[in-house]
Amino acid sequence: MAQQLTRSSDRIVAGVAGGIAKYINVDPSIVRIVTALVVLFTGIGPFLYVLGWLILPEENSGKTGIDALTGGVKKAKESYDSNKVHNPDDLR
């Protein structure tokens, strides 16, 4: 079975660099340094890192960053809907 590119549970920020290091079988420190340099010296580095967080599944749970974002929105909406009571007397 081919190895899948995932975000690592051995993480400093979001596990993107650690996951890439594990996938290409190199020391995570090297990938983290290269990632930090790309983020600091290019305009596209931060975008690529966030994109990696959004689309790469987590190593253990398989959830992506998109899942985390949409799950948070869903929970907030459910909480709002459950607390929403329209009582005209509250407006006075």
Protein backbone atom coordinates (compact mmCIF):
# COMPACT_ATOMS: atom_id res chain seq x y z
CA MET A 1 0.00 0.00 0.00
CA ALA A 2 1.35 3.45 -0.94
CA GLN A 3 2.05 5.89 1.84
CA GLN A 4 -0.43 8.77 2.05
CA LEU A 5 0.63 12.38 2.60
CA THR A 6 -0.91 13.51 5.89
CA ARG A 7 -0.32 16.15 8.54
CA SER A 8 1.88 14.79 11.30
CA SER A 9 0.86 14.46 14.93
CA ASP A 10 4.47 15.49 15.72
CA ARG A 11 3.80 19.14 15.06
CA ILE A 12 4.94 22.63 15.87
CA VAL A 13 2.21 24.62 14.12
CA ALA A 14 -0.23 22.50 12.11
CA GLY A 15 1.80 19.39 11.22
CA VAL A 16 2.22 20.22 7.53
CA ALA A 17 6.03 20.25 7.51
CA GLY A 18 6.22 17.17 9.74
CA GLY A 19 3.85 15.31 7.43
CA ILE A 20 5.86 16.24 4.35
CA ALA A 21 9.07 15.12 6.10
CA LYS A 22 7.54 11.78 6.99
CA TYR A 23 6.24 11.32 3.43
CA ILE A 24 9.64 11.98 1.79
CA ASN A 25 11.51 10.24 4.63
CA VAL A 26 13.77 13.07 5.81
CA ASP A 27 14.37 14.74 9.16
CA PRO A 28 11.43 17.01 10.06
CA SER A 29 13.83 19.78 11.15
CA ILE A 30 15.11 20.14 7.59
CA VAL A 31 11.62 20.48 6.15
CA ARG A 32 10.64 22.91 8.93
CA ILE A 33 13.66 25.11 8.20
CA VAL A 34 12.95 25.08 4.46
CA THR A 35 9.28 25.81 5.15
CA ALA A 36 10.18 28.71 7.45
CA LEU A 37 12.50 30.17 4.80
CA VAL A 38 9.84 29.87 2.10
CA VAL A 39 7.27 31.49 4.38
CA LEU A 40 9.63 34.34 5.29
CA PHE A 41 11.08 35.11 1.88
CA THR A 42 8.25 34.52 -0.57
CA GLY A 43 4.79 35.91 -0.86
CA ILE A 44 3.28 32.51 -1.56
CA GLY A 45 4.76 30.61 1.40
CA PRO A 46 2.05 31.42 3.97
CA PHE A 47 -0.66 30.67 1.41
CA LEU A 48 0.87 27.27 0.63
CA TYR A 49 1.15 26.39 4.32
CA VAL A 50 -2.47 27.30 5.01
CA LEU A 51 -3.53 25.39 1.89
CA GLY A 52 -1.62 22.35 3.19
CA TRP A 53 -3.41 22.63 6.53
CA LEU A 54 -6.78 22.90 4.80
CA ILE A 55 -6.45 19.94 2.43
CA LEU A 56 -4.09 17.45 4.09
CA PRO A 57 -5.83 15.00 6.43
CA GLU A 58 -4.58 14.59 9.98
CA GLU A 59 -2.47 11.49 10.60
CA ASN A 60 -4.65 9.89 13.27
CA SER A 61 -8.16 11.22 12.72
CA GLY A 62 -8.19 11.84 8.98
CA LYS A 63 -9.85 15.23 9.48
CA THR A 64 -8.73 18.14 7.33
CA GLY A 65 -8.55 21.80 8.23
CA ILE A 66 -11.71 22.30 6.21
CA ASP A 67 -13.44 19.79 8.47
CA ALA A 68 -12.29 21.75 11.50
CA LEU A 69 -13.60 25.00 10.07
CA THR A 70 -16.96 23.69 8.92
CA GLY A 71 -17.45 21.72 12.13
CA GLY A 72 -16.91 24.90 14.13
CA VAL A 73 -19.43 26.77 12.02
CA LYS A 74 -21.93 23.94 12.38
CA LYS A 75 -21.53 23.87 16.18
CA ALA A 76 -21.91 27.65 16.41
CA LYS A 77 -25.05 27.56 14.25
CA GLU A 78 -26.56 24.73 16.33
CA SER A 79 -25.80 26.64 19.52
CA TYR A 80 -27.35 29.81 18.11
CA ASP A 81 -30.46 27.98 16.90
CA SER A 82 -30.98 26.20 20.22
CA ASN A 83 -30.70 29.47 22.18
CA LYS A 84 -32.85 31.50 19.82
CA VAL A 85 -36.16 32.30 21.49
CA HIS A 86 -38.38 34.96 20.05
CA ASN A 87 -40.32 36.55 22.81
CA PRO A 88 -41.83 39.98 22.04
CA ASP A 89 -41.69 40.96 25.72
CA ASP A 90 -37.87 40.76 25.63
CA LEU A 91 -37.77 43.75 23.32
CA ARG A 92 -39.42 46.13 25.77
